[in-house]
Amino acid sequence: MGGYGRLPGLVSEELLEKASREGLEEEQKEEIVGMKNELKELCQENSLPDLSNDLESLLTYILFSNIALQFFKTRNFD
């Protein structure tokens, strides 16, 4: 689990077990699909390539939706 090196301390076995078995709930999956659709529509409306399948762009849109469009317009997509 994780690919960012060693943790600075011990992890509770209970917490590790819980993190290992829990995935996204259906509601969370639906929310992500909704955000992907919003991003796809935003790209179409602003003559941008479809960024909805690019994880980095999707996360940018989810976390910074108020400034994401400005950022996407400055990127070079060649």
N, C-alpha and C. Protein backbone atom coordinates (compact mmCIF):
# COMPACT_ATOMS: atom_id res chain seq x y z
N MET A 1 0.84 -1.17 0.00
CA MET A 1 0.00 0.00 0.00
C MET A 1 0.89 1.24 0.00
N GLY A 2 0.59 2.19 -0.85
CA GLY A 2 1.36 3.43 -0.90
C GLY A 2 2.66 3.25 -1.64
N GLY A 3 3.14 4.26 -2.25
CA GLY A 3 4.39 4.17 -2.98
C GLY A 3 5.27 5.37 -2.71
N TYR A 4 5.19 5.91 -1.51
CA TYR A 4 5.89 7.14 -1.20
C TYR A 4 6.96 6.94 -0.12
N GLY A 5 7.51 5.77 -0.03
CA GLY A 5 8.57 5.54 0.93
C GLY A 5 8.05 5.06 2.28
N ARG A 6 8.93 5.07 3.24
CA ARG A 6 8.60 4.57 4.57
C ARG A 6 7.88 5.63 5.40
N LEU A 7 7.01 5.15 6.25
CA LEU A 7 6.32 6.05 7.18
C LEU A 7 7.25 6.41 8.32
N PRO A 8 7.07 7.57 8.92
CA PRO A 8 7.96 8.00 9.99
C PRO A 8 7.74 7.27 11.31
N GLY A 9 6.71 6.45 11.39
CA GLY A 9 6.44 5.74 12.64
C GLY A 9 5.64 4.48 12.37
N LEU A 10 5.23 3.83 13.43
CA LEU A 10 4.44 2.61 13.31
C LEU A 10 2.99 2.94 13.01
N VAL A 11 2.37 2.06 12.24
CA VAL A 11 0.96 2.23 11.89
C VAL A 11 0.17 1.18 12.66
N SER A 12 -0.89 1.60 13.26
CA SER A 12 -1.77 0.70 13.99
C SER A 12 -2.26 -0.40 13.06
N GLU A 13 -2.18 -1.64 13.49
CA GLU A 13 -2.65 -2.77 12.68
C GLU A 13 -4.12 -2.60 12.34
N GLU A 14 -4.90 -2.11 13.29
CA GLU A 14 -6.33 -1.91 13.07
C GLU A 14 -6.56 -0.89 11.95
N LEU A 15 -5.81 0.20 11.98
CA LEU A 15 -5.94 1.23 10.95
C LEU A 15 -5.48 0.71 9.59
N LEU A 16 -4.39 -0.01 9.56
CA LEU A 16 -3.87 -0.57 8.32
C LEU A 16 -4.87 -1.55 7.70
N GLU A 17 -5.48 -2.38 8.53
CA GLU A 17 -6.47 -3.34 8.05
C GLU A 17 -7.69 -2.61 7.49
N LYS A 18 -8.13 -1.57 8.18
CA LYS A 18 -9.29 -0.81 7.73
C LYS A 18 -9.00 -0.12 6.40
N ALA A 19 -7.84 0.49 6.27
CA ALA A 19 -7.47 1.18 5.03
C ALA A 19 -7.33 0.20 3.87
N SER A 20 -6.89 -0.99 4.15
CA SER A 20 -6.68 -1.99 3.10
C SER A 20 -7.98 -2.52 2.54
N ARG A 21 -9.00 -2.62 3.34
CA ARG A 21 -10.24 -3.26 2.88
C ARG A 21 -11.30 -2.27 2.39
N GLU A 22 -11.17 -1.02 2.76
CA GLU A 22 -12.19 -0.05 2.39
C GLU A 22 -11.87 0.58 1.05
N GLY A 23 -12.82 0.55 0.16
CA GLY A 23 -12.68 1.21 -1.13
C GLY A 23 -13.63 2.39 -1.19
N LEU A 24 -13.83 2.88 -2.38
CA LEU A 24 -14.76 3.99 -2.54
C LEU A 24 -16.19 3.49 -2.42
N GLU A 25 -17.00 4.24 -1.74
CA GLU A 25 -18.41 3.90 -1.66
C GLU A 25 -19.10 4.35 -2.93
N GLU A 26 -20.26 3.78 -3.19
CA GLU A 26 -20.99 4.06 -4.42
C GLU A 26 -21.25 5.56 -4.60
N GLU A 27 -21.59 6.23 -3.53
CA GLU A 27 -21.86 7.67 -3.60
C GLU A 27 -20.61 8.44 -4.03
N GLN A 28 -19.46 8.03 -3.53
CA GLN A 28 -18.21 8.69 -3.90
C GLN A 28 -17.89 8.44 -5.37
N LYS A 29 -18.12 7.23 -5.84
CA LYS A 29 -17.88 6.91 -7.24
C LYS A 29 -18.77 7.76 -8.14
N GLU A 30 -20.03 7.91 -7.76
CA GLU A 30 -20.96 8.72 -8.54
C GLU A 30 -20.52 10.18 -8.56
N GLU A 31 -20.01 10.66 -7.45
CA GLU A 31 -19.53 12.04 -7.36
C GLU A 31 -18.35 12.26 -8.31
N ILE A 32 -17.45 11.31 -8.37
CA ILE A 32 -16.29 11.41 -9.26
C ILE A 32 -16.74 11.41 -10.72
N VAL A 33 -17.67 10.52 -11.06
CA VAL A 33 -18.20 10.48 -12.42
C VAL A 33 -18.85 11.82 -12.77
N GLY A 34 -19.59 12.39 -11.84
CA GLY A 34 -20.22 13.69 -12.05
C GLY A 34 -19.19 14.78 -12.30
N MET A 35 -18.11 14.77 -11.55
CA MET A 35 -17.06 15.77 -11.73
C MET A 35 -16.35 15.58 -13.07
N LYS A 36 -16.16 14.32 -13.47
CA LYS A 36 -15.56 14.06 -14.78
C LYS A 36 -16.43 14.63 -15.89
N ASN A 37 -17.74 14.43 -15.76
CA ASN A 37 -18.67 14.95 -16.77
C ASN A 37 -18.66 16.48 -16.80
N GLU A 38 -18.60 17.10 -15.63
CA GLU A 38 -18.52 18.57 -15.56
C GLU A 38 -17.26 19.07 -16.26
N LEU A 39 -16.13 18.40 -15.99
CA LEU A 39 -14.87 18.81 -16.60
C LEU A 39 -14.92 18.63 -18.12
N LYS A 40 -15.50 17.54 -18.56
CA LYS A 40 -15.62 17.29 -20.00
C LYS A 40 -16.44 18.40 -20.67
N GLU A 41 -17.54 18.76 -20.05
CA GLU A 41 -18.40 19.83 -20.57
C GLU A 41 -17.67 21.18 -20.57
N LEU A 42 -16.96 21.46 -19.49
CA LEU A 42 -16.18 22.70 -19.39
C LEU A 42 -15.16 22.78 -20.52
N CYS A 43 -14.50 21.68 -20.81
CA CYS A 43 -13.50 21.65 -21.88
C CYS A 43 -14.16 21.90 -23.23
N GLN A 44 -15.29 21.27 -23.48
CA GLN A 44 -16.00 21.46 -24.74
C GLN A 44 -16.42 22.91 -24.92
N GLU A 45 -16.95 23.51 -23.88
CA GLU A 45 -17.44 24.89 -23.94
C GLU A 45 -16.32 25.91 -24.14
N ASN A 46 -15.09 25.52 -23.80
CA ASN A 46 -13.97 26.45 -23.86
C ASN A 46 -12.90 26.05 -24.87
N SER A 47 -13.28 25.19 -25.82
CA SER A 47 -12.38 24.75 -26.90
C SER A 47 -11.06 24.19 -26.37
N LEU A 48 -11.16 23.41 -25.32
CA LEU A 48 -10.00 22.72 -24.75
C LEU A 48 -10.10 21.24 -25.08
N PRO A 49 -8.98 20.53 -25.12
CA PRO A 49 -9.06 19.08 -25.30
C PRO A 49 -9.77 18.46 -24.09
N ASP A 50 -10.35 17.29 -24.29
CA ASP A 50 -11.04 16.61 -23.19
C ASP A 50 -10.03 16.20 -22.13
N LEU A 51 -10.08 16.84 -20.99
CA LEU A 51 -9.15 16.57 -19.89
C LEU A 51 -9.75 15.66 -18.82
N SER A 52 -10.98 15.21 -19.06
CA SER A 52 -11.69 14.47 -18.02
C SER A 52 -11.09 13.10 -17.73
N ASN A 53 -10.30 12.55 -18.64
CA ASN A 53 -9.68 11.25 -18.39
C ASN A 53 -8.25 11.37 -17.90
N ASP A 54 -7.77 12.60 -17.75
CA ASP A 54 -6.44 12.85 -17.22
C ASP A 54 -6.56 13.06 -15.71
N LEU A 55 -6.02 12.14 -14.94
CA LEU A 55 -6.18 12.17 -13.48
C LEU A 55 -5.70 13.48 -12.87
N GLU A 56 -4.55 13.97 -13.32
CA GLU A 56 -4.01 15.21 -12.77
C GLU A 56 -4.95 16.39 -13.03
N SER A 57 -5.49 16.46 -14.25
CA SER A 57 -6.41 17.54 -14.58
C SER A 57 -7.71 17.41 -13.81
N LEU A 58 -8.19 16.19 -13.66
CA LEU A 58 -9.42 15.97 -12.90
C LEU A 58 -9.24 16.39 -11.45
N LEU A 59 -8.13 16.02 -10.84
CA LEU A 59 -7.87 16.43 -9.46
C LEU A 59 -7.74 17.95 -9.35
N THR A 60 -7.09 18.55 -10.33
CA THR A 60 -6.98 20.02 -10.34
C THR A 60 -8.36 20.64 -10.35
N TYR A 61 -9.23 20.11 -11.21
CA TYR A 61 -10.59 20.65 -11.31
C TYR A 61 -11.37 20.44 -10.01
N ILE A 62 -11.25 19.26 -9.42
CA ILE A 62 -11.98 18.96 -8.18
C ILE A 62 -11.51 19.85 -7.03
N LEU A 63 -10.21 20.00 -6.90
CA LEU A 63 -9.66 20.74 -5.77
C LEU A 63 -9.68 22.26 -5.95
N PHE A 64 -9.57 22.71 -7.20
CA PHE A 64 -9.45 24.15 -7.46
C PHE A 64 -10.40 24.57 -8.58
N SER A 65 -11.65 24.18 -8.48
CA SER A 65 -12.59 24.43 -9.57
C SER A 65 -12.76 25.92 -9.87
N ASN A 66 -12.54 26.77 -8.89
CA ASN A 66 -12.72 28.21 -9.12
C ASN A 66 -11.63 28.82 -10.00
N ILE A 67 -10.46 28.20 -10.07
CA ILE A 67 -9.37 28.74 -10.90
C ILE A 67 -8.87 27.74 -11.95
N ALA A 68 -9.45 26.56 -11.99
CA ALA A 68 -8.97 25.51 -12.89
C ALA A 68 -9.05 25.93 -14.35
N LEU A 69 -10.14 26.57 -14.76
CA LEU A 69 -10.30 26.96 -16.16
C LEU A 69 -9.18 27.91 -16.58
N GLN A 70 -8.89 28.89 -15.76
CA GLN A 70 -7.79 29.82 -16.08
C GLN A 70 -6.48 29.05 -16.26
N PHE A 71 -6.23 28.11 -15.37
CA PHE A 71 -5.01 27.31 -15.43
C PHE A 71 -4.99 26.47 -16.70
N PHE A 72 -6.09 25.80 -17.02
CA PHE A 72 -6.13 24.95 -18.21
C PHE A 72 -5.89 25.77 -19.48
N LYS A 73 -6.40 26.99 -19.51
CA LYS A 73 -6.23 27.84 -20.70
C LYS A 73 -4.77 28.24 -20.91
N THR A 74 -3.96 28.23 -19.86
CA THR A 74 -2.55 28.61 -20.00
C THR A 74 -1.66 27.43 -20.35
N ARG A 75 -2.19 26.22 -20.25
CA ARG A 75 -1.38 25.03 -20.54
C ARG A 75 -1.21 24.84 -22.04
N ASN A 76 -0.08 24.27 -22.41
CA ASN A 76 0.20 23.96 -23.81
C ASN A 76 -0.15 22.49 -24.04
N PHE A 77 -1.11 22.23 -24.90
CA PHE A 77 -1.58 20.87 -25.12
C PHE A 77 -1.04 20.24 -26.40
N ASP A 78 0.02 20.78 -26.96
CA ASP A 78 0.61 20.23 -28.19
C ASP A 78 1.42 19.00 -27.91
